[in-house]
């Protein structure tokens, strides 16, 4: 962020806006952690918290696990193939699939990380907040459509 010199009327207007934003931020309690007063957030409903707890529990219990097994038709000595022994929950597979476009190109220009999804679900469960800039909104909408 660059420093810009502001003079005259513009400074007074921006100062008033800044004071108004700071006053609004002081009216509502700010959750602890990496949530700042200027972040847009709202309190999670009881239904959203329950969905987040269930989803978090499923993500901790079910995860993708792949092992190497001998090939059924080996082409050479030591030929192995990958076999899935455990899969991610179905709702998570659908959620990840909704982020990807045709031919494996990412629709939103960023990579979906499981640890970020888990962090978003923990924010909803533990801090009872839904950030406007995080994955929370999309995840909760998907869970409501899936389980709702």
N, C-alpha and C. Protein backbone atom coordinates (compact mmCIF):
# COMPACT_ATOMS: atom_id res chain seq x y z
N UNK A 1 0.84 -1.17 0.00
CA UNK A 1 0.00 0.00 0.00
C UNK A 1 0.89 1.23 0.00
N UNK A 2 0.67 2.12 -0.93
CA UNK A 2 1.51 3.30 -1.02
C UNK A 2 0.91 4.43 -0.19
N UNK A 3 1.77 5.33 0.21
CA UNK A 3 1.34 6.49 1.00
C UNK A 3 1.02 7.62 0.04
N UNK A 4 -0.18 8.15 0.15
CA UNK A 4 -0.63 9.23 -0.73
C UNK A 4 -0.94 10.44 0.15
N UNK A 5 -0.47 11.59 -0.29
CA UNK A 5 -0.74 12.81 0.47
C UNK A 5 -2.13 13.31 0.10
N UNK A 6 -2.96 13.47 1.12
CA UNK A 6 -4.33 13.91 0.90
C UNK A 6 -4.48 15.29 1.52
N UNK A 7 -5.06 16.21 0.77
CA UNK A 7 -5.20 17.56 1.29
C UNK A 7 -6.65 18.01 1.21
N UNK A 8 -6.97 19.01 1.99
CA UNK A 8 -8.24 19.70 1.90
C UNK A 8 -9.46 18.87 2.23
N UNK A 9 -10.48 19.03 1.40
CA UNK A 9 -11.79 18.40 1.61
C UNK A 9 -11.70 16.88 1.58
N UNK A 10 -10.89 16.37 0.69
CA UNK A 10 -10.78 14.91 0.56
C UNK A 10 -10.31 14.29 1.88
N UNK A 11 -9.37 14.95 2.56
CA UNK A 11 -8.87 14.43 3.84
C UNK A 11 -10.00 14.41 4.86
N UNK A 12 -10.82 15.45 4.92
CA UNK A 12 -11.90 15.51 5.89
C UNK A 12 -12.94 14.41 5.61
N UNK A 13 -13.26 14.20 4.35
CA UNK A 13 -14.25 13.17 3.99
C UNK A 13 -13.71 11.78 4.34
N UNK A 14 -12.47 11.48 3.93
CA UNK A 14 -11.90 10.17 4.22
C UNK A 14 -11.69 9.99 5.73
N UNK A 15 -11.38 11.05 6.44
CA UNK A 15 -11.25 10.97 7.88
C UNK A 15 -12.58 10.62 8.54
N UNK A 16 -13.67 11.24 8.05
CA UNK A 16 -15.00 10.95 8.60
C UNK A 16 -15.40 9.50 8.33
N UNK A 17 -15.11 9.04 7.11
CA UNK A 17 -15.43 7.65 6.76
C UNK A 17 -14.64 6.69 7.65
N UNK A 18 -13.35 6.99 7.85
CA UNK A 18 -12.52 6.13 8.70
C UNK A 18 -13.05 6.13 10.13
N UNK A 19 -13.44 7.30 10.66
CA UNK A 19 -13.99 7.36 12.01
C UNK A 19 -15.29 6.56 12.11
N UNK A 20 -16.13 6.62 11.06
CA UNK A 20 -17.39 5.87 11.07
C UNK A 20 -17.12 4.37 11.06
N UNK A 21 -16.17 3.92 10.25
CA UNK A 21 -15.82 2.50 10.19
C UNK A 21 -15.26 2.04 11.53
N UNK A 22 -14.41 2.84 12.15
CA UNK A 22 -13.85 2.46 13.44
C UNK A 22 -14.93 2.41 14.52
N UNK A 23 -15.90 3.34 14.47
CA UNK A 23 -16.97 3.33 15.44
C UNK A 23 -17.85 2.10 15.29
N UNK A 24 -18.14 1.71 14.03
CA UNK A 24 -18.93 0.51 13.80
C UNK A 24 -18.18 -0.73 14.26
N UNK A 25 -16.87 -0.74 14.07
CA UNK A 25 -16.08 -1.90 14.48
C UNK A 25 -16.05 -2.02 16.00
N UNK A 26 -16.10 -0.90 16.71
CA UNK A 26 -16.07 -0.96 18.17
C UNK A 26 -17.41 -1.38 18.76
N UNK A 27 -18.51 -1.22 18.01
CA UNK A 27 -19.83 -1.58 18.52
C UNK A 27 -20.01 -3.08 18.67
N UNK A 28 -19.46 -3.84 17.75
CA UNK A 28 -19.64 -5.29 17.84
C UNK A 28 -18.34 -5.94 18.30
N UNK A 29 -18.45 -7.03 19.05
CA UNK A 29 -17.24 -7.69 19.54
C UNK A 29 -16.47 -8.35 18.40
N UNK A 30 -15.18 -8.22 18.44
CA UNK A 30 -14.33 -8.83 17.42
C UNK A 30 -13.81 -10.14 17.95
N UNK A 31 -14.03 -11.26 17.23
CA UNK A 31 -13.52 -12.54 17.70
C UNK A 31 -11.99 -12.54 17.75
N UNK A 32 -11.45 -13.37 18.61
CA UNK A 32 -10.00 -13.44 18.73
C UNK A 32 -9.43 -14.22 17.55
N UNK A 33 -8.15 -14.08 17.33
CA UNK A 33 -7.50 -14.79 16.23
C UNK A 33 -7.20 -13.82 15.09
N UNK A 34 -7.17 -14.35 13.88
CA UNK A 34 -6.81 -13.56 12.71
C UNK A 34 -8.03 -12.95 12.04
N UNK A 35 -8.94 -12.41 12.81
CA UNK A 35 -10.09 -11.71 12.27
C UNK A 35 -9.96 -10.26 12.71
N UNK A 36 -9.91 -9.36 11.75
CA UNK A 36 -9.69 -7.95 12.03
C UNK A 36 -11.01 -7.19 11.96
N UNK A 37 -11.10 -6.02 12.57
CA UNK A 37 -12.35 -5.27 12.56
C UNK A 37 -12.86 -4.94 11.16
N UNK A 38 -11.98 -4.82 10.18
CA UNK A 38 -12.42 -4.47 8.83
C UNK A 38 -12.83 -5.68 8.01
N UNK A 39 -12.62 -6.89 8.52
CA UNK A 39 -13.12 -8.08 7.83
C UNK A 39 -14.64 -8.10 7.92
N UNK A 40 -15.27 -8.51 6.84
CA UNK A 40 -16.72 -8.67 6.87
C UNK A 40 -17.00 -10.08 7.39
N UNK A 41 -17.78 -10.15 8.45
CA UNK A 41 -18.11 -11.45 9.03
C UNK A 41 -19.47 -11.36 9.68
N UNK A 42 -20.04 -12.52 9.94
CA UNK A 42 -21.32 -12.59 10.63
C UNK A 42 -21.28 -13.79 11.56
N UNK A 43 -22.22 -13.82 12.50
CA UNK A 43 -22.29 -14.95 13.42
C UNK A 43 -22.94 -16.13 12.71
N UNK A 44 -22.45 -17.31 12.99
CA UNK A 44 -23.01 -18.52 12.39
C UNK A 44 -24.29 -18.92 13.13
N UNK A 45 -25.24 -19.46 12.38
CA UNK A 45 -26.47 -19.96 13.00
C UNK A 45 -26.20 -21.32 13.63
N UNK A 46 -27.12 -21.77 14.45
CA UNK A 46 -26.96 -23.07 15.10
C UNK A 46 -26.89 -24.19 14.06
N UNK A 47 -27.72 -24.10 13.02
CA UNK A 47 -27.72 -25.11 11.96
C UNK A 47 -26.36 -25.16 11.26
N UNK A 48 -25.78 -23.99 10.98
CA UNK A 48 -24.47 -23.94 10.33
C UNK A 48 -23.38 -24.53 11.21
N UNK A 49 -23.44 -24.26 12.50
CA UNK A 49 -22.45 -24.82 13.43
C UNK A 49 -22.57 -26.35 13.46
N UNK A 50 -23.80 -26.86 13.48
CA UNK A 50 -23.99 -28.32 13.49
C UNK A 50 -23.50 -28.95 12.19
N UNK A 51 -23.79 -28.31 11.05
CA UNK A 51 -23.28 -28.81 9.77
C UNK A 51 -21.75 -28.81 9.77
N UNK A 52 -21.14 -27.75 10.28
CA UNK A 52 -19.68 -27.64 10.30
C UNK A 52 -19.06 -28.71 11.20
N UNK A 53 -19.67 -28.97 12.36
CA UNK A 53 -19.14 -30.01 13.25
C UNK A 53 -19.21 -31.38 12.60
N UNK A 54 -20.34 -31.68 11.97
CA UNK A 54 -20.50 -32.98 11.30
C UNK A 54 -19.48 -33.12 10.16
N UNK A 55 -19.33 -32.06 9.38
CA UNK A 55 -18.39 -32.09 8.26
C UNK A 55 -16.96 -32.24 8.74
N UNK A 56 -16.60 -31.53 9.81
CA UNK A 56 -15.25 -31.62 10.36
C UNK A 56 -14.97 -33.01 10.89
N UNK A 57 -15.96 -33.61 11.56
CA UNK A 57 -15.80 -34.97 12.07
C UNK A 57 -15.60 -35.96 10.92
N UNK A 58 -16.38 -35.81 9.85
CA UNK A 58 -16.22 -36.70 8.70
C UNK A 58 -14.87 -36.52 8.03
N UNK A 59 -14.39 -35.28 7.92
CA UNK A 59 -13.08 -35.04 7.30
C UNK A 59 -11.95 -35.65 8.12
N UNK A 60 -12.09 -35.64 9.44
CA UNK A 60 -11.04 -36.22 10.29
C UNK A 60 -11.06 -37.74 10.23
N UNK A 61 -12.24 -38.34 10.07
CA UNK A 61 -12.33 -39.80 10.06
C UNK A 61 -12.05 -40.38 8.68
N UNK A 62 -12.55 -39.73 7.65
CA UNK A 62 -12.38 -40.25 6.29
C UNK A 62 -11.39 -39.35 5.54
N UNK A 63 -10.37 -39.96 4.97
CA UNK A 63 -9.39 -39.21 4.20
C UNK A 63 -8.89 -40.10 3.08
N UNK A 64 -8.36 -39.47 2.05
CA UNK A 64 -7.88 -40.22 0.90
C UNK A 64 -6.60 -40.96 1.26
N UNK A 65 -6.61 -42.27 1.04
CA UNK A 65 -5.44 -43.08 1.32
C UNK A 65 -5.24 -44.02 0.14
N UNK A 66 -4.06 -43.98 -0.45
CA UNK A 66 -3.73 -44.79 -1.63
C UNK A 66 -2.51 -45.63 -1.29
N UNK A 67 -2.57 -46.93 -1.64
CA UNK A 67 -1.43 -47.82 -1.41
C UNK A 67 -1.04 -48.47 -2.73
N UNK A 68 0.17 -49.00 -2.77
CA UNK A 68 0.65 -49.73 -3.95
C UNK A 68 0.38 -51.22 -3.75
N UNK A 69 -0.20 -51.84 -4.76
CA UNK A 69 -0.46 -53.28 -4.74
C UNK A 69 0.12 -53.90 -6.00
N UNK A 70 0.43 -55.18 -5.96
CA UNK A 70 0.93 -55.83 -7.18
C UNK A 70 -0.09 -55.75 -8.31
N UNK A 71 0.40 -55.52 -9.52
CA UNK A 71 -0.48 -55.38 -10.68
C UNK A 71 -1.14 -56.72 -11.01
N UNK A 72 -2.42 -56.70 -11.44
CA UNK A 72 -3.09 -57.95 -11.79
C UNK A 72 -2.47 -58.61 -13.03
N UNK A 73 -2.00 -57.80 -13.97
CA UNK A 73 -1.31 -58.30 -15.16
C UNK A 73 0.04 -57.60 -15.27
N UNK A 74 1.04 -58.11 -14.55
CA UNK A 74 2.33 -57.41 -14.52
C UNK A 74 3.03 -57.43 -15.88
N UNK A 75 3.57 -56.28 -16.25
CA UNK A 75 4.32 -56.15 -17.50
C UNK A 75 5.82 -56.31 -17.28
N UNK A 76 6.25 -56.18 -16.04
CA UNK A 76 7.66 -56.33 -15.70
C UNK A 76 7.75 -56.71 -14.23
N UNK A 77 8.93 -57.08 -13.80
CA UNK A 77 9.13 -57.50 -12.41
C UNK A 77 8.97 -56.29 -11.48
N UNK A 78 8.18 -56.46 -10.44
CA UNK A 78 7.96 -55.38 -9.48
C UNK A 78 6.89 -54.38 -9.91
N UNK A 79 6.09 -54.74 -10.93
CA UNK A 79 5.04 -53.85 -11.42
C UNK A 79 3.96 -53.68 -10.35
N UNK A 80 3.69 -52.44 -9.97
CA UNK A 80 2.69 -52.12 -8.94
C UNK A 80 1.68 -51.13 -9.51
N UNK A 81 0.48 -51.16 -8.95
CA UNK A 81 -0.56 -50.18 -9.30
C UNK A 81 -1.08 -49.54 -8.02
N UNK A 82 -1.65 -48.37 -8.18
CA UNK A 82 -2.21 -47.67 -7.02
C UNK A 82 -3.63 -48.16 -6.76
N UNK A 83 -3.94 -48.37 -5.49
CA UNK A 83 -5.28 -48.78 -5.08
C UNK A 83 -5.75 -47.88 -3.95
N UNK A 84 -7.00 -47.47 -4.04
CA UNK A 84 -7.58 -46.61 -3.01
C UNK A 84 -8.12 -47.49 -1.88
N UNK A 85 -7.68 -47.20 -0.65
CA UNK A 85 -8.19 -47.95 0.50
C UNK A 85 -9.18 -47.14 1.31
N UNK A 86 -9.07 -45.83 1.27
CA UNK A 86 -9.96 -44.96 2.02
C UNK A 86 -10.20 -43.71 1.17
N UNK A 87 -11.44 -43.18 1.17
CA UNK A 87 -11.77 -42.02 0.35
C UNK A 87 -12.23 -40.86 1.22
N UNK A 88 -12.13 -39.65 0.65
CA UNK A 88 -12.69 -38.47 1.30
C UNK A 88 -14.21 -38.60 1.34
N UNK A 89 -14.88 -37.87 2.24
CA UNK A 89 -16.35 -37.93 2.27
C UNK A 89 -16.94 -37.47 0.94
N UNK A 90 -18.11 -37.98 0.63
CA UNK A 90 -18.77 -37.68 -0.64
C UNK A 90 -19.05 -36.19 -0.80
N UNK A 91 -19.47 -35.52 0.28
CA UNK A 91 -19.77 -34.09 0.18
C UNK A 91 -18.51 -33.30 -0.17
N UNK A 92 -17.34 -33.74 0.38
CA UNK A 92 -16.09 -33.04 0.11
C UNK A 92 -15.66 -33.27 -1.34
N UNK A 93 -15.85 -34.47 -1.85
CA UNK A 93 -15.53 -34.75 -3.25
C UNK A 93 -16.36 -33.88 -4.18
N UNK A 94 -17.66 -33.74 -3.87
CA UNK A 94 -18.53 -32.89 -4.69
C UNK A 94 -18.13 -31.42 -4.58
N UNK A 95 -17.75 -30.99 -3.38
CA UNK A 95 -17.33 -29.60 -3.18
C UNK A 95 -16.07 -29.29 -3.98
N UNK A 96 -15.10 -30.20 -3.93
CA UNK A 96 -13.85 -29.99 -4.69
C UNK A 96 -14.15 -30.02 -6.19
N UNK A 97 -15.01 -30.92 -6.61
CA UNK A 97 -15.37 -31.01 -8.03
C UNK A 97 -16.05 -29.73 -8.51
N UNK A 98 -16.78 -29.07 -7.64
CA UNK A 98 -17.45 -27.82 -8.03
C UNK A 98 -16.45 -26.69 -8.26
N UNK A 99 -15.24 -26.80 -7.72
CA UNK A 99 -14.21 -25.78 -7.91
C UNK A 99 -13.46 -25.94 -9.23
N UNK A 100 -13.50 -27.11 -9.83
CA UNK A 100 -12.71 -27.38 -11.02
C UNK A 100 -13.56 -27.28 -12.27
N UNK A 101 -12.98 -26.70 -13.32
CA UNK A 101 -13.66 -26.57 -14.60
C UNK A 101 -13.32 -27.74 -15.51
N UNK A 102 -13.51 -27.53 -16.80
CA UNK A 102 -13.22 -28.58 -17.78
C UNK A 102 -11.71 -28.81 -17.88
N UNK A 103 -11.33 -30.02 -18.13
CA UNK A 103 -9.94 -30.43 -18.38
C UNK A 103 -9.00 -30.10 -17.22
N UNK A 104 -9.51 -30.10 -16.00
CA UNK A 104 -8.66 -29.89 -14.83
C UNK A 104 -8.22 -28.46 -14.61
N UNK A 105 -8.79 -27.51 -15.36
CA UNK A 105 -8.42 -26.11 -15.14
C UNK A 105 -9.22 -25.58 -13.97
N UNK A 106 -8.54 -24.85 -13.11
CA UNK A 106 -9.21 -24.36 -11.92
C UNK A 106 -10.09 -23.17 -12.27
N UNK A 107 -11.32 -23.20 -11.83
CA UNK A 107 -12.30 -22.18 -12.18
C UNK A 107 -12.00 -20.85 -11.52
N UNK A 108 -11.50 -20.83 -10.29
CA UNK A 108 -11.32 -19.59 -9.56
C UNK A 108 -9.87 -19.11 -9.53
N UNK A 109 -8.99 -19.80 -10.19
CA UNK A 109 -7.61 -19.34 -10.30
C UNK A 109 -6.75 -19.62 -9.08
N UNK A 110 -7.23 -20.41 -8.14
CA UNK A 110 -6.41 -20.77 -6.99
C UNK A 110 -6.66 -22.24 -6.66
N UNK A 111 -5.79 -22.80 -5.89
CA UNK A 111 -5.91 -24.22 -5.58
C UNK A 111 -6.64 -24.40 -4.26
N UNK A 112 -7.59 -25.30 -4.23
CA UNK A 112 -8.35 -25.59 -3.02
C UNK A 112 -7.51 -26.49 -2.12
N UNK A 113 -7.23 -26.05 -0.92
CA UNK A 113 -6.42 -26.82 0.03
C UNK A 113 -7.32 -27.37 1.12
N UNK A 114 -7.11 -28.63 1.46
CA UNK A 114 -7.92 -29.27 2.49
C UNK A 114 -7.71 -28.62 3.85
N UNK A 115 -6.47 -28.22 4.14
CA UNK A 115 -6.21 -27.60 5.44
C UNK A 115 -6.94 -26.26 5.57
N UNK A 116 -7.16 -25.55 4.45
CA UNK A 116 -7.92 -24.30 4.51
C UNK A 116 -9.40 -24.58 4.74
N UNK A 117 -9.91 -25.67 4.15
CA UNK A 117 -11.29 -26.05 4.37
C UNK A 117 -11.49 -26.44 5.83
N UNK A 118 -10.55 -27.20 6.39
CA UNK A 118 -10.62 -27.60 7.80
C UNK A 118 -10.54 -26.36 8.70
N UNK A 119 -9.67 -25.42 8.37
CA UNK A 119 -9.55 -24.19 9.16
C UNK A 119 -10.85 -23.39 9.12
N UNK A 120 -11.48 -23.33 7.96
CA UNK A 120 -12.76 -22.61 7.84
C UNK A 120 -13.84 -23.28 8.67
N UNK A 121 -13.89 -24.61 8.64
CA UNK A 121 -14.89 -25.33 9.44
C UNK A 121 -14.62 -25.15 10.93
N UNK A 122 -13.37 -25.12 11.33
CA UNK A 122 -13.03 -24.90 12.74
C UNK A 122 -13.42 -23.50 13.19
N UNK A 123 -13.25 -22.51 12.28
CA UNK A 123 -13.67 -21.15 12.63
C UNK A 123 -15.17 -21.10 12.92
N UNK A 124 -15.94 -21.83 12.11
CA UNK A 124 -17.39 -21.85 12.32
C UNK A 124 -17.72 -22.57 13.62
N UNK A 125 -17.05 -23.69 13.89
CA UNK A 125 -17.35 -24.49 15.09
C UNK A 125 -16.90 -23.79 16.37
N UNK A 126 -15.66 -23.33 16.40
CA UNK A 126 -15.08 -22.84 17.64
C UNK A 126 -15.36 -21.36 17.89
N UNK A 127 -15.26 -20.53 16.85
CA UNK A 127 -15.43 -19.09 17.05
C UNK A 127 -16.83 -18.62 16.69
N UNK A 128 -17.62 -19.48 16.07
CA UNK A 128 -19.01 -19.18 15.73
C UNK A 128 -19.13 -17.99 14.78
N UNK A 129 -18.18 -17.91 13.80
CA UNK A 129 -18.22 -16.82 12.83
C UNK A 129 -18.12 -17.38 11.41
N UNK A 130 -18.65 -16.61 10.47
CA UNK A 130 -18.56 -16.93 9.05
C UNK A 130 -17.94 -15.72 8.37
N UNK A 131 -16.71 -15.88 7.86
CA UNK A 131 -16.04 -14.79 7.17
C UNK A 131 -16.58 -14.67 5.75
N UNK A 132 -16.68 -13.44 5.27
CA UNK A 132 -17.14 -13.22 3.90
C UNK A 132 -16.06 -13.55 2.89
N UNK A 133 -14.78 -13.50 3.30
CA UNK A 133 -13.68 -13.69 2.36
C UNK A 133 -13.15 -15.12 2.36
N UNK A 134 -13.59 -15.97 3.27
CA UNK A 134 -13.06 -17.32 3.37
C UNK A 134 -13.91 -18.34 2.63
N UNK A 135 -13.61 -19.61 2.88
CA UNK A 135 -14.37 -20.70 2.28
C UNK A 135 -15.69 -20.98 3.00
N UNK A 136 -15.89 -20.37 4.17
CA UNK A 136 -17.02 -20.73 5.01
C UNK A 136 -18.36 -20.64 4.29
N UNK A 137 -18.59 -19.52 3.62
CA UNK A 137 -19.87 -19.32 2.95
C UNK A 137 -20.16 -20.38 1.91
N UNK A 138 -19.16 -20.66 1.08
CA UNK A 138 -19.35 -21.67 0.02
C UNK A 138 -19.54 -23.07 0.61
N UNK A 139 -18.75 -23.39 1.63
CA UNK A 139 -18.84 -24.72 2.24
C UNK A 139 -20.21 -24.90 2.89
N UNK A 140 -20.64 -23.91 3.66
CA UNK A 140 -21.92 -24.03 4.36
C UNK A 140 -23.09 -24.10 3.39
N UNK A 141 -23.01 -23.34 2.29
CA UNK A 141 -24.07 -23.42 1.28
C UNK A 141 -24.09 -24.82 0.66
N UNK A 142 -22.91 -25.35 0.37
CA UNK A 142 -22.83 -26.70 -0.20
C UNK A 142 -23.35 -27.75 0.78
N UNK A 143 -22.98 -27.63 2.05
CA UNK A 143 -23.45 -28.59 3.06
C UNK A 143 -24.96 -28.52 3.25
N UNK A 144 -25.49 -27.31 3.21
CA UNK A 144 -26.95 -27.16 3.36
C UNK A 144 -27.67 -27.80 2.18
N UNK A 145 -27.12 -27.63 0.96
CA UNK A 145 -27.72 -28.29 -0.21
C UNK A 145 -27.57 -29.80 -0.14
N UNK A 146 -26.43 -30.26 0.39
CA UNK A 146 -26.15 -31.70 0.42
C UNK A 146 -26.94 -32.42 1.51
N UNK A 147 -26.95 -31.87 2.73
CA UNK A 147 -27.61 -32.53 3.86
C UNK A 147 -29.00 -31.94 4.15
N UNK A 148 -29.19 -30.67 3.76
CA UNK A 148 -30.37 -29.92 4.13
C UNK A 148 -31.65 -30.53 3.79
